[in-house]
Protein backbone atom coordinates (compact mmCIF):
# COMPACT_ATOMS: atom_id res chain seq x y z
CA MET A 1 0.00 0.00 0.00
CA ALA A 2 2.79 2.44 0.88
CA GLU A 3 4.60 1.74 -2.41
CA GLY A 4 1.43 2.59 -4.33
CA LEU A 5 1.10 5.90 -2.55
CA VAL A 6 4.76 6.72 -3.21
CA LEU A 7 4.31 5.96 -6.91
CA LEU A 8 1.13 8.03 -6.95
CA VAL A 9 2.86 11.04 -5.41
CA ILE A 10 5.92 10.72 -7.67
CA GLY A 11 3.72 10.44 -10.76
CA MET A 12 1.53 13.38 -9.85
CA VAL A 13 4.51 15.58 -8.97
CA THR A 14 6.15 14.64 -12.28
CA VAL A 15 3.02 15.49 -14.27
CA PHE A 16 2.49 18.74 -12.36
CA GLY A 17 6.12 19.75 -12.92
CA PHE A 18 5.90 18.98 -16.63
CA LEU A 19 2.67 20.98 -16.98
CA GLN A 20 4.20 23.94 -15.14
CA LEU A 21 7.24 23.79 -17.42
CA MET A 22 5.04 23.61 -20.52
CA VAL A 23 2.90 26.60 -19.44
CA SER A 24 6.03 28.63 -18.66
CA ILE A 25 7.56 27.87 -22.05
CA MET A 26 4.30 28.74 -23.82
CA ASN A 27 4.07 32.08 -21.99
CA LEU A 28 7.68 32.93 -22.81
CA SER A 29 7.21 32.03 -26.47
CA ALA A 30 4.03 34.16 -26.61
CA LYS A 31 5.95 37.17 -25.29
CA PHE A 32 8.75 36.49 -27.77
CA PHE A 33 6.42 36.29 -30.76
CA ILE A 34 4.53 39.43 -29.72
CA LYS A 35 7.81 41.37 -29.66
CA LEU A 36 8.85 39.78 -32.94
CA GLU A 37 5.55 40.85 -34.54
CA GLU A 38 6.10 44.46 -33.41
CA ARG A 39 9.43 44.56 -35.25
CA ARG A 40 7.98 43.21 -38.47
CA PRO A 41 7.20 45.84 -41.12
CA ALA A 42 3.56 46.45 -41.98
CA PRO A 43 2.32 44.47 -44.98
CA GLN A 44 2.02 46.39 -48.22
CA PRO A 45 -1.36 46.48 -49.93
CA ALA A 46 -1.58 44.21 -52.93
CA ALA A 47 -1.15 45.94 -56.25
CA ALA A 48 -3.84 45.69 -58.89
CA PRO A 49 -3.16 43.03 -61.52
CA ALA A 50 -1.30 44.45 -64.49
CA VAL A 51 -3.10 42.25 -67.00
CA GLN A 52 -6.85 42.38 -67.53
CA LEU A 53 -8.31 39.04 -68.52
CA ASP A 54 -10.99 38.85 -71.19
CA LEU A 55 -13.54 36.48 -69.70
CA ALA A 56 -15.95 36.57 -72.64
CA PRO A 57 -14.51 33.48 -74.42
CA ILE A 58 -14.66 31.50 -71.17
CA ALA A 59 -18.28 32.52 -70.60
CA ILE A 60 -19.14 31.51 -74.19
CA ALA A 61 -17.49 28.10 -73.73
CA ILE A 62 -19.37 27.50 -70.47
CA ALA A 63 -22.68 28.53 -72.04
CA ALA A 64 -22.05 26.26 -75.05
CA ALA A 65 -21.20 23.30 -72.83
CA LYS A 66 -24.23 23.90 -70.64
CA ASN A 67 -26.49 24.22 -73.70
CA ARG A 68 -25.12 20.97 -75.15
CA THR A 69 -25.90 18.99 -71.97
CA ARG A 70 -29.58 20.01 -71.97
């Protein structure tokens, strides 16, 4: 009975210690990434596409295929 209690205590202390370590590492990494994000330059807005696509032939092909399947 005493050995079981010793194993229980050792196991629970080990799990508690590991969880404390994991939470501490996660908090430190969160602080690190917040500071890293502040140093990052702001994203530039996307430029308009230089090429305008003519979608009329695609629309005609879709309409023809749809008409053929009726």
